[in-house]
N, C-alpha and C. Protein backbone atom coordinates (compact mmCIF):
# COMPACT_ATOMS: atom_id res chain seq x y z
N MET A 1 0.70 -1.24 -0.14
CA MET A 1 -0.04 0.01 -0.11
C MET A 1 0.76 1.27 -0.04
N PHE A 2 2.14 1.24 0.40
CA PHE A 2 3.09 2.36 0.38
C PHE A 2 3.28 2.67 -0.80
N LEU A 3 3.25 1.76 -1.85
CA LEU A 3 3.63 2.33 -3.17
C LEU A 3 2.39 3.14 -3.85
N ILE A 4 1.38 2.74 -3.35
CA ILE A 4 0.18 3.53 -3.92
C ILE A 4 0.17 5.02 -3.20
N ASN A 5 0.51 4.91 -1.93
CA ASN A 5 0.50 6.35 -1.41
C ASN A 5 1.70 7.19 -2.18
N ASP A 6 2.69 6.55 -2.24
CA ASP A 6 3.95 7.22 -2.84
C ASP A 6 3.60 7.66 -4.42
N LEU A 7 2.87 6.73 -5.04
CA LEU A 7 2.17 7.13 -6.28
C LEU A 7 1.58 8.53 -6.37
N ILE A 8 0.61 8.33 -5.65
CA ILE A 8 -0.14 9.83 -5.25
C ILE A 8 0.82 10.93 -5.18
N THR A 9 1.33 10.65 -3.83
CA THR A 9 2.23 11.94 -3.39
C THR A 9 3.21 12.40 -4.60
N LEU A 10 3.77 11.40 -5.20
CA LEU A 10 4.78 11.77 -6.43
C LEU A 10 3.99 12.51 -7.42
N LEU A 11 2.86 12.23 -7.82
CA LEU A 11 2.08 12.85 -8.84
C LEU A 11 1.66 14.13 -8.18
N ALA A 12 1.11 14.13 -7.28
CA ALA A 12 0.63 15.74 -6.81
C ALA A 12 1.80 16.50 -6.47
N ALA A 13 3.03 15.98 -5.94
CA ALA A 13 3.92 16.92 -5.79
C ALA A 13 4.71 17.35 -7.04
N ASN A 14 4.71 16.31 -7.98
CA ASN A 14 5.47 16.92 -9.23
C ASN A 14 4.64 17.69 -9.93
N LEU A 15 3.38 17.70 -10.09
CA LEU A 15 2.39 18.64 -10.62
C LEU A 15 2.17 19.77 -10.26
N ILE A 16 2.11 19.76 -8.90
CA ILE A 16 1.92 21.11 -8.11
C ILE A 16 3.18 22.10 -7.88
N LEU A 17 4.12 21.22 -7.15
CA LEU A 17 5.26 22.13 -6.67
C LEU A 17 6.46 22.36 -8.03
N SER A 18 6.41 21.34 -8.89
CA SER A 18 7.35 21.67 -10.06
C SER A 18 6.76 22.42 -11.00
N ARG A 19 5.21 22.63 -11.16
CA ARG A 19 4.91 23.54 -12.22
C ARG A 19 4.92 24.64 -11.62
N ALA A 20 4.59 24.84 -10.31
CA ALA A 20 4.60 26.34 -9.53
C ALA A 20 6.10 27.01 -9.94
N LEU A 21 7.09 26.18 -9.99
CA LEU A 21 8.74 26.62 -10.19
C LEU A 21 8.91 26.79 -11.76
N GLY A 22 7.88 26.25 -12.62
CA GLY A 22 8.12 26.47 -14.08
C GLY A 22 8.43 25.20 -14.85
N THR A 23 8.77 24.25 -14.28
CA THR A 23 9.23 23.08 -14.76
C THR A 23 8.46 21.71 -14.30
N SER A 24 8.06 20.72 -15.02
CA SER A 24 7.41 19.73 -14.79
C SER A 24 8.28 18.61 -14.85
N THR A 25 8.99 17.65 -14.38
CA THR A 25 9.81 16.72 -14.51
C THR A 25 8.94 15.61 -15.19
N LEU A 26 7.99 15.30 -14.67
CA LEU A 26 7.02 14.26 -15.30
C LEU A 26 6.53 14.52 -16.74
N PHE A 27 6.14 15.82 -17.24
CA PHE A 27 6.22 16.40 -18.47
C PHE A 27 7.25 16.23 -19.39
N ILE A 28 8.37 16.32 -18.84
CA ILE A 28 9.54 16.25 -19.48
C ILE A 28 10.07 14.81 -19.90
N ALA A 29 9.56 14.02 -18.90
CA ALA A 29 9.92 12.67 -18.90
C ALA A 29 8.77 11.96 -19.88
N ALA A 30 7.88 12.30 -20.03
CA ALA A 30 6.60 11.70 -20.78
C ALA A 30 6.72 12.23 -22.14
N GLY A 31 7.47 13.06 -22.30
CA GLY A 31 7.70 13.72 -23.83
C GLY A 31 8.26 12.85 -24.70
N GLY A 32 8.92 11.93 -24.09
CA GLY A 32 9.31 11.13 -25.12
C GLY A 32 10.08 9.77 -24.28
N ARG A 33 10.30 8.73 -25.00
CA ARG A 33 10.79 7.29 -24.34
C ARG A 33 12.25 7.40 -23.99
N LYS A 34 13.08 7.98 -24.54
CA LYS A 34 14.31 8.37 -23.96
C LYS A 34 14.58 9.32 -23.04
N ASN A 35 13.66 10.37 -22.96
CA ASN A 35 13.62 11.25 -21.77
C ASN A 35 12.94 10.53 -20.46
N LEU A 36 12.09 9.61 -20.56
CA LEU A 36 11.39 8.79 -19.60
C LEU A 36 12.67 7.90 -19.03
N THR A 37 13.18 7.14 -19.93
CA THR A 37 14.23 5.97 -19.37
C THR A 37 15.39 6.93 -18.76
N ALA A 38 16.09 7.96 -19.31
CA ALA A 38 17.20 8.77 -18.47
C ALA A 38 16.64 9.38 -17.58
N THR A 39 15.42 9.99 -17.30
CA THR A 39 14.99 10.89 -16.09
C THR A 39 14.62 9.76 -14.91
N ALA A 40 14.09 8.84 -15.29
CA ALA A 40 13.64 7.87 -14.28
C ALA A 40 14.72 7.04 -13.67
N CYS A 41 15.91 6.91 -14.27
CA CYS A 41 17.11 6.25 -13.94
C CYS A 41 17.58 7.24 -13.06
N VAL A 42 17.90 8.48 -13.46
CA VAL A 42 18.62 9.30 -12.60
C VAL A 42 17.60 9.53 -11.02
N ILE A 43 16.30 9.57 -11.26
CA ILE A 43 15.58 9.87 -10.00
C ILE A 43 15.41 8.78 -9.22
N THR A 44 15.87 7.64 -9.71
CA THR A 44 15.93 6.41 -9.14
C THR A 44 17.18 6.29 -8.29
N PHE A 45 18.22 6.51 -9.10
CA PHE A 45 19.28 6.99 -8.25
C PHE A 45 19.45 7.86 -7.20
N PHE A 46 18.97 8.95 -7.31
CA PHE A 46 18.92 9.91 -6.38
C PHE A 46 18.10 9.67 -5.19
N THR A 47 16.73 8.71 -5.22
CA THR A 47 16.11 8.50 -4.07
C THR A 47 16.61 7.33 -3.58
N THR A 48 17.15 6.35 -4.09
CA THR A 48 17.92 5.35 -3.55
C THR A 48 19.14 5.66 -2.74
N ALA A 49 19.81 6.59 -3.38
CA ALA A 49 21.42 6.84 -2.70
C ALA A 49 20.94 7.87 -1.63
N GLY A 50 19.85 8.78 -1.91
CA GLY A 50 19.40 9.73 -0.91
C GLY A 50 19.11 9.07 0.66
N SER A 51 18.17 7.90 -0.05
CA SER A 51 17.54 7.40 1.00
C SER A 51 18.55 6.73 2.16
N THR A 52 19.60 6.18 1.51
CA THR A 52 20.59 5.38 2.32
C THR A 52 21.32 6.32 3.06
N ALA A 53 21.38 7.57 2.73
CA ALA A 53 22.19 8.61 3.26
C ALA A 53 21.59 9.17 4.28
N ALA A 54 20.12 8.97 4.13
CA ALA A 54 19.03 9.78 5.16
C ALA A 54 19.09 8.84 6.40
N TYR A 55 19.35 7.47 6.20
CA TYR A 55 19.46 6.62 7.31
C TYR A 55 20.54 6.96 8.37
N PHE A 56 21.72 7.20 7.70
CA PHE A 56 22.82 7.84 8.61
C PHE A 56 22.44 9.12 9.26
N ILE A 57 22.00 9.93 8.51
CA ILE A 57 21.39 11.27 9.09
C ILE A 57 20.56 11.01 10.16
N ASP A 58 19.37 10.25 9.94
CA ASP A 58 18.36 9.95 11.06
C ASP A 58 19.14 9.42 12.22
N LYS A 59 20.03 8.56 12.14
CA LYS A 59 20.72 7.77 13.11
C LYS A 59 21.64 8.61 13.89
N MET A 60 22.39 9.58 13.39
CA MET A 60 23.39 10.49 13.78
C MET A 60 22.80 11.45 14.56
N LEU A 61 21.50 12.25 14.01
CA LEU A 61 21.21 13.51 14.37
C LEU A 61 20.35 13.54 15.55
N PRO A 62 20.78 14.08 16.96
CA PRO A 62 20.16 13.89 18.14
C PRO A 62 18.71 14.66 17.86
N SER A 63 17.62 14.27 18.52
CA SER A 63 16.28 14.70 18.36
C SER A 63 16.22 16.06 18.90
N ALA A 64 17.22 16.75 19.46
CA ALA A 64 17.06 17.97 20.11
C ALA A 64 17.32 18.95 18.66
N VAL A 65 17.93 18.20 17.93
CA VAL A 65 18.39 19.20 16.58
C VAL A 65 17.90 18.64 15.52
N SER A 66 16.90 18.00 15.55
CA SER A 66 15.98 17.52 14.36
C SER A 66 15.59 18.60 13.46
N ASP A 67 15.61 20.06 13.93
CA ASP A 67 15.06 20.74 12.75
C ASP A 67 16.36 21.01 11.58
N LEU A 68 17.44 20.77 11.93
CA LEU A 68 18.57 20.58 10.96
C LEU A 68 18.34 19.38 10.01
N ARG A 69 17.43 18.69 10.06
CA ARG A 69 17.11 17.47 9.06
C ARG A 69 17.12 17.89 7.65
N LEU A 70 16.21 18.71 7.65
CA LEU A 70 15.97 19.34 6.03
C LEU A 70 17.32 19.85 5.50
N LEU A 71 18.00 20.67 6.37
CA LEU A 71 19.52 21.29 5.64
C LEU A 71 20.38 19.93 5.50
N MET A 72 20.39 19.05 6.51
CA MET A 72 21.38 17.76 6.10
C MET A 72 20.79 17.00 4.94
N TYR A 73 19.17 16.74 4.69
CA TYR A 73 19.02 16.04 3.46
C TYR A 73 19.45 16.92 2.47
N ILE A 74 19.21 18.34 2.16
CA ILE A 74 19.61 19.03 0.99
C ILE A 74 21.18 19.04 0.58
N ILE A 75 21.80 19.01 1.86
CA ILE A 75 23.33 18.94 1.59
C ILE A 75 23.42 17.53 1.05
N VAL A 76 23.19 16.42 1.47
CA VAL A 76 23.14 15.31 0.88
C VAL A 76 23.01 15.16 -0.75
N ILE A 77 21.68 15.84 -0.95
CA ILE A 77 21.45 15.72 -2.25
C ILE A 77 22.36 16.58 -3.12
N GLY A 78 22.71 17.51 -2.63
CA GLY A 78 23.72 18.41 -3.31
C GLY A 78 24.98 17.69 -3.58
N VAL A 79 25.59 17.15 -2.59
CA VAL A 79 26.80 16.12 -2.74
C VAL A 79 26.62 15.12 -3.72
N LEU A 80 25.58 14.21 -3.93
CA LEU A 80 24.92 13.28 -4.75
C LEU A 80 25.08 14.05 -6.02
N TYR A 81 24.51 15.11 -6.13
CA TYR A 81 24.25 15.92 -7.76
C TYR A 81 25.79 16.20 -7.87
N VAL A 82 26.81 16.79 -7.28
CA VAL A 82 28.15 17.06 -7.74
C VAL A 82 28.91 15.52 -7.99
N LEU A 83 28.36 14.62 -7.08
CA LEU A 83 29.30 13.32 -7.72
C LEU A 83 28.89 12.85 -8.79
N LEU A 84 27.36 12.73 -9.05
CA LEU A 84 26.94 12.31 -10.11
C LEU A 84 27.46 12.96 -11.58
N LEU A 85 27.22 14.25 -11.35
CA LEU A 85 27.91 15.20 -12.72
C LEU A 85 29.33 14.74 -12.79
N THR A 86 30.23 14.51 -11.76
CA THR A 86 31.57 14.48 -12.00
C THR A 86 31.76 13.20 -12.64
N ALA A 87 31.10 12.08 -12.09
CA ALA A 87 31.08 10.75 -12.82
C ALA A 87 30.81 10.69 -14.34
N VAL A 88 29.55 11.62 -14.48
CA VAL A 88 29.22 11.63 -15.84
C VAL A 88 29.99 12.05 -16.77
N TYR A 89 30.49 13.44 -16.11
CA TYR A 89 31.61 13.96 -16.97
C TYR A 89 32.98 13.06 -17.20
N TYR A 90 33.43 12.24 -16.38
CA TYR A 90 34.57 11.40 -16.62
C TYR A 90 34.24 10.35 -17.35
N ILE A 91 33.21 9.60 -17.00
CA ILE A 91 32.85 8.42 -17.86
C ILE A 91 32.61 8.71 -19.27
N SER A 92 32.01 9.85 -19.68
CA SER A 92 31.18 9.99 -21.13
C SER A 92 31.43 11.56 -21.31
N ARG A 93 32.54 11.99 -21.58
CA ARG A 93 32.97 13.24 -21.93
C ARG A 93 32.16 13.99 -23.20
N PRO A 94 32.09 13.20 -24.23
CA PRO A 94 31.50 13.39 -25.57
C PRO A 94 30.18 13.77 -25.33
N ARG A 95 29.46 12.86 -24.33
CA ARG A 95 28.03 12.84 -24.32
C ARG A 95 27.49 13.86 -22.99
N PHE A 96 28.46 14.54 -22.51
CA PHE A 96 28.19 14.98 -21.14
C PHE A 96 27.09 15.97 -21.18
N GLU A 97 27.03 16.88 -22.45
CA GLU A 97 26.04 17.99 -22.53
C GLU A 97 24.68 17.52 -22.73
N GLU A 98 24.89 16.15 -23.32
CA GLU A 98 23.33 15.83 -23.32
C GLU A 98 22.87 15.01 -22.13
N LEU A 99 23.77 14.18 -21.37
CA LEU A 99 23.31 13.72 -20.31
C LEU A 99 23.12 14.59 -19.11
N ARG A 100 23.69 15.56 -19.05
CA ARG A 100 23.69 16.38 -17.72
C ARG A 100 22.23 17.10 -17.62
N LYS A 101 21.64 17.28 -18.49
CA LYS A 101 20.34 17.68 -18.43
C LYS A 101 19.27 16.82 -17.53
N TYR A 102 19.46 15.30 -17.62
CA TYR A 102 18.60 14.54 -16.87
C TYR A 102 19.15 14.65 -15.69
N VAL A 103 20.26 14.90 -15.24
CA VAL A 103 20.97 15.18 -13.87
C VAL A 103 19.98 16.46 -13.23
N HIS A 104 20.38 17.42 -13.87
CA HIS A 104 19.66 18.68 -13.58
C HIS A 104 18.16 18.46 -13.30
N VAL A 105 17.47 17.93 -14.18
CA VAL A 105 16.02 17.93 -14.14
C VAL A 105 15.46 16.99 -12.98
N SER A 106 16.42 16.04 -12.69
CA SER A 106 16.23 15.13 -11.92
C SER A 106 16.39 15.27 -10.37
N VAL A 107 17.56 15.99 -9.93
CA VAL A 107 17.99 16.34 -8.48
C VAL A 107 17.01 17.29 -8.27
N PHE A 108 16.74 18.48 -9.06
CA PHE A 108 15.78 19.54 -8.42
C PHE A 108 14.35 19.11 -8.80
N ASN A 109 14.15 17.86 -8.26
CA ASN A 109 12.78 17.24 -8.34
C ASN A 109 12.19 17.27 -7.05
N CYS A 110 10.96 17.40 -6.68
CA CYS A 110 10.63 17.36 -5.27
C CYS A 110 10.39 15.88 -4.92
N ALA A 111 10.67 15.03 -5.87
CA ALA A 111 10.19 13.70 -5.79
C ALA A 111 11.34 13.03 -4.71
N VAL A 112 12.57 13.61 -4.93
CA VAL A 112 13.86 13.49 -4.00
C VAL A 112 13.68 13.91 -3.12
N ILE A 113 13.39 15.08 -2.48
CA ILE A 113 13.48 15.66 -1.24
C ILE A 113 12.20 14.79 -0.35
N GLY A 114 11.02 14.63 -1.20
CA GLY A 114 9.85 14.43 -0.76
C GLY A 114 10.02 13.06 -0.16
N THR A 115 10.75 12.05 -0.86
CA THR A 115 11.34 10.93 -0.54
C THR A 115 11.81 10.70 0.76
N LEU A 116 12.94 11.43 0.98
CA LEU A 116 13.58 11.58 2.38
C LEU A 116 12.88 11.55 3.46
N PHE A 117 11.49 12.76 3.29
CA PHE A 117 10.96 12.70 4.42
C PHE A 117 9.81 11.77 4.56
N THR A 118 9.36 11.21 3.40
CA THR A 118 8.58 9.97 3.44
C THR A 118 8.94 8.69 4.46
N ILE A 119 10.25 8.44 3.81
CA ILE A 119 10.82 7.39 4.66
C ILE A 119 11.15 7.82 5.95
N ASN A 120 11.40 9.01 6.56
CA ASN A 120 11.82 9.22 7.84
C ASN A 120 10.57 9.17 8.82
N GLU A 121 9.58 9.57 8.02
CA GLU A 121 8.02 9.62 8.64
C GLU A 121 7.60 7.90 9.01
N ARG A 122 7.99 7.01 7.83
CA ARG A 122 7.79 5.92 8.07
C ARG A 122 8.54 4.99 9.20
N ALA A 123 9.84 5.48 9.14
CA ALA A 123 10.61 5.09 10.43
C ALA A 123 10.53 5.48 11.70
N SER A 124 9.80 6.76 11.63
CA SER A 124 9.59 7.17 12.99
C SER A 124 8.16 6.45 13.51
N MET A 125 7.57 6.12 12.58
CA MET A 125 6.33 5.09 12.89
C MET A 125 6.46 3.92 13.43
N ASN A 126 7.82 3.08 12.74
CA ASN A 126 8.15 1.91 13.15
C ASN A 126 8.99 1.85 14.10
N GLY A 127 9.50 2.90 14.71
CA GLY A 127 10.66 2.80 15.71
C GLY A 127 11.99 2.30 15.22
N SER A 128 12.34 1.41 16.04
CA SER A 128 14.03 1.00 15.58
C SER A 128 13.95 -0.04 14.60
N SER A 129 12.93 -0.78 14.03
CA SER A 129 12.89 -1.73 13.61
C SER A 129 12.98 -1.32 11.90
N TYR A 130 13.36 -0.02 11.63
CA TYR A 130 13.61 0.30 10.10
C TYR A 130 15.31 0.57 10.18
N ASP A 131 15.95 -0.20 9.37
CA ASP A 131 17.27 -0.49 9.03
C ASP A 131 17.55 0.06 8.02
N LEU A 132 19.02 0.14 7.48
CA LEU A 132 19.48 0.49 6.39
C LEU A 132 18.90 -0.02 4.93
N GLY A 133 18.61 -1.13 5.11
CA GLY A 133 18.09 -1.90 3.97
C GLY A 133 16.50 -1.58 3.83
N ASP A 134 15.79 -1.17 4.58
CA ASP A 134 14.66 -0.49 4.64
C ASP A 134 14.61 0.90 4.08
N TYR A 135 15.63 1.72 4.61
CA TYR A 135 15.71 2.84 3.66
C TYR A 135 15.96 2.67 2.50
N ALA A 136 16.76 1.84 2.00
CA ALA A 136 17.24 1.69 0.52
C ALA A 136 16.24 1.43 -0.45
N ALA A 137 15.43 0.19 0.26
CA ALA A 137 14.28 -0.23 -0.27
C ALA A 137 13.23 0.71 -0.58
N ALA A 138 12.94 1.41 0.48
CA ALA A 138 11.92 2.50 0.20
C ALA A 138 12.31 3.61 -0.73
N GLY A 139 13.60 3.89 -0.92
CA GLY A 139 14.33 4.75 -1.91
C GLY A 139 13.89 4.23 -3.18
N LEU A 140 14.30 2.85 -3.39
CA LEU A 140 13.97 2.35 -4.79
C LEU A 140 12.75 2.30 -5.03
N GLU A 141 11.78 2.01 -4.07
CA GLU A 141 10.23 1.86 -4.28
C GLU A 141 9.72 3.18 -4.80
N ALA A 142 10.31 4.58 -4.33
CA ALA A 142 9.80 5.56 -4.69
C ALA A 142 10.32 6.08 -6.11
N GLY A 143 11.42 5.29 -6.50
CA GLY A 143 11.92 5.50 -7.77
C GLY A 143 11.09 4.95 -8.44
N ALA A 144 10.79 3.38 -8.48
CA ALA A 144 9.66 2.78 -9.00
C ALA A 144 8.38 3.37 -9.29
N GLY A 145 7.92 4.16 -8.30
CA GLY A 145 6.81 4.97 -8.18
C GLY A 145 6.57 6.09 -9.19
N PHE A 146 7.78 6.46 -9.18
CA PHE A 146 8.02 7.91 -10.26
C PHE A 146 8.13 7.26 -11.73
N ILE A 147 8.52 6.01 -11.94
CA ILE A 147 8.54 5.56 -13.35
C ILE A 147 7.37 5.05 -13.66
N ILE A 148 6.44 4.37 -12.73
CA ILE A 148 5.07 4.23 -12.95
C ILE A 148 4.19 5.23 -13.26
N SER A 149 4.27 6.52 -12.65
CA SER A 149 3.74 7.77 -13.03
C SER A 149 4.00 8.36 -14.12
N ALA A 150 5.33 8.20 -14.66
CA ALA A 150 5.67 8.65 -15.96
C ALA A 150 5.09 7.93 -17.16
N LEU A 151 5.27 6.58 -16.86
CA LEU A 151 4.52 5.64 -17.51
C LEU A 151 2.95 5.90 -18.08
N ILE A 152 2.22 6.40 -17.01
CA ILE A 152 0.90 6.63 -17.11
C ILE A 152 0.78 7.85 -17.99
N LEU A 153 1.55 8.89 -17.52
CA LEU A 153 1.59 10.27 -18.29
C LEU A 153 2.07 9.91 -19.83
N THR A 154 3.20 9.32 -19.97
CA THR A 154 3.38 8.93 -21.39
C THR A 154 2.32 8.22 -22.34
N VAL A 155 1.68 7.46 -21.63
CA VAL A 155 0.48 6.78 -22.46
C VAL A 155 -0.58 8.09 -22.87
N ALA A 156 -0.91 8.97 -21.92
CA ALA A 156 -1.83 10.08 -22.13
C ALA A 156 -1.31 11.37 -22.87
N TYR A 157 -0.02 11.38 -22.79
CA TYR A 157 0.67 12.42 -23.24
C TYR A 157 0.13 13.17 -24.71
N ARG A 158 0.48 12.24 -25.65
CA ARG A 158 0.02 12.55 -26.91
C ARG A 158 -1.40 12.93 -27.31
N LYS A 159 -2.33 12.09 -26.70
CA LYS A 159 -3.71 12.03 -26.67
C LYS A 159 -4.05 13.48 -26.27
N LEU A 160 -3.75 13.78 -25.05
CA LEU A 160 -4.11 15.00 -24.32
C LEU A 160 -3.43 16.09 -24.90
N ASN A 161 -2.48 16.13 -25.81
CA ASN A 161 -2.06 17.31 -26.74
C ASN A 161 -2.25 17.07 -28.17
N SER A 162 -3.38 16.46 -28.43
CA SER A 162 -3.73 16.34 -30.11
C SER A 162 -4.60 17.44 -30.22
N SER A 163 -4.79 17.74 -31.53
CA SER A 163 -5.78 18.67 -32.07
C SER A 163 -7.05 18.42 -31.68
N LYS A 164 -7.49 16.97 -31.26
CA LYS A 164 -9.05 16.73 -30.93
C LYS A 164 -9.37 17.31 -29.35
N VAL A 165 -8.24 17.91 -28.96
CA VAL A 165 -8.52 18.64 -27.62
C VAL A 165 -8.75 20.01 -27.70
N PRO A 166 -9.64 20.64 -26.97
CA PRO A 166 -9.83 22.09 -27.55
C PRO A 166 -8.56 22.64 -27.09
N SER A 167 -8.24 23.78 -27.70
CA SER A 167 -6.91 24.48 -27.57
C SER A 167 -6.78 25.15 -25.91
N ALA A 168 -7.79 25.53 -25.54
CA ALA A 168 -7.79 26.15 -24.49
C ALA A 168 -7.62 25.33 -22.95
N PHE A 169 -7.80 23.96 -23.51
CA PHE A 169 -7.88 22.71 -22.41
C PHE A 169 -6.62 21.93 -22.56
N ARG A 170 -6.06 21.97 -24.05
CA ARG A 170 -4.90 21.20 -24.48
C ARG A 170 -3.74 21.52 -23.48
N GLY A 171 -2.98 20.33 -22.85
CA GLY A 171 -1.50 20.43 -22.47
C GLY A 171 -1.89 20.15 -20.88
N PHE A 172 -1.23 21.22 -20.05
CA PHE A 172 -1.58 20.91 -18.60
C PHE A 172 -2.90 20.93 -18.08
N PRO A 173 -3.85 21.78 -18.51
CA PRO A 173 -5.01 21.56 -17.89
C PRO A 173 -6.02 20.31 -17.85
N ALA A 174 -5.65 19.66 -19.35
CA ALA A 174 -6.09 18.50 -19.63
C ALA A 174 -5.27 17.47 -18.85
N MET A 175 -4.01 17.59 -18.73
CA MET A 175 -3.02 16.67 -17.82
C MET A 175 -3.34 16.72 -16.35
N LEU A 176 -3.76 17.83 -15.89
CA LEU A 176 -4.44 17.95 -14.32
C LEU A 176 -5.82 17.15 -14.32
N VAL A 177 -6.60 17.19 -15.05
CA VAL A 177 -7.79 16.67 -14.83
C VAL A 177 -7.69 14.93 -15.12
N TYR A 178 -6.81 14.50 -16.03
CA TYR A 178 -6.27 13.16 -16.42
C TYR A 178 -5.81 12.55 -14.74
N LEU A 179 -4.89 13.36 -14.38
CA LEU A 179 -4.35 13.08 -13.26
C LEU A 179 -5.10 12.69 -12.00
N GLY A 180 -5.92 13.52 -12.10
CA GLY A 180 -6.92 13.77 -10.93
C GLY A 180 -7.85 12.49 -10.96
N ILE A 181 -8.38 12.20 -12.12
CA ILE A 181 -9.24 10.98 -12.38
C ILE A 181 -8.16 9.71 -12.07
N ILE A 182 -6.91 9.53 -12.65
CA ILE A 182 -6.22 8.48 -12.32
C ILE A 182 -5.84 8.27 -10.85
N SER A 183 -5.49 9.61 -10.19
CA SER A 183 -5.28 9.22 -8.76
C SER A 183 -6.59 9.08 -7.81
N MET A 184 -7.61 9.42 -8.22
CA MET A 184 -8.65 8.81 -7.38
C MET A 184 -9.08 7.36 -7.77
N ALA A 185 -8.77 6.81 -9.00
CA ALA A 185 -8.85 5.38 -9.26
C ALA A 185 -7.74 4.65 -8.41
N VAL A 186 -6.62 5.33 -8.58
CA VAL A 186 -5.59 4.33 -7.56
C VAL A 186 -5.98 4.48 -6.33
N TYR A 187 -6.67 5.75 -5.70
CA TYR A 187 -6.76 5.94 -4.18
C TYR A 187 -7.83 4.52 -3.81
N SER A 188 -8.78 4.79 -4.82
CA SER A 188 -9.89 3.80 -4.37
C SER A 188 -9.41 2.42 -4.28
N LEU A 189 -8.06 1.84 -4.60
CA LEU A 189 -7.60 0.57 -4.48
C LEU A 189 -7.13 0.54 -2.95
N LYS A 190 -7.03 1.30 -2.32
CA LYS A 190 -6.55 1.24 -0.67
C LYS A 190 -7.33 0.67 -0.15
């Protein structure tokens, strides 16, 4: 059931927060199969690696200074961002310009930071039974939730942007209605 909750959370967070900032990672990913594959892989890397790092932050950070958790998560994501860009640069210099856009779009996605807080909340509800493997698995699960969300959007992307849809409703408004219906259907499975 956590996967369904994460799917709904990722859809809402990506559509509302990312669109408010002027970009929507899901729409970029849904634009093409190549975009979807690259973006999904990078986001899955960030959610999994970030969740693993969040385990150590959550264990080492005293509860008296738990307000610093957001800052620590952002620092971890920043470090992962620099490390991944550096690795991509040294591994594939000729394709660096092409590949770095996927890193940029993925790291500045609310799915990444949202995953860390979701996992932290789950761990606090389960007490001490949440270990490093659970954190990593939850990060991988969030990445899979993003992939499923992007696949759902990919199916509808072309049809909702076709000339058959009225121009005032085409694009983002049609996508919001579509996602609202899909979210209600998925939520009813709970």
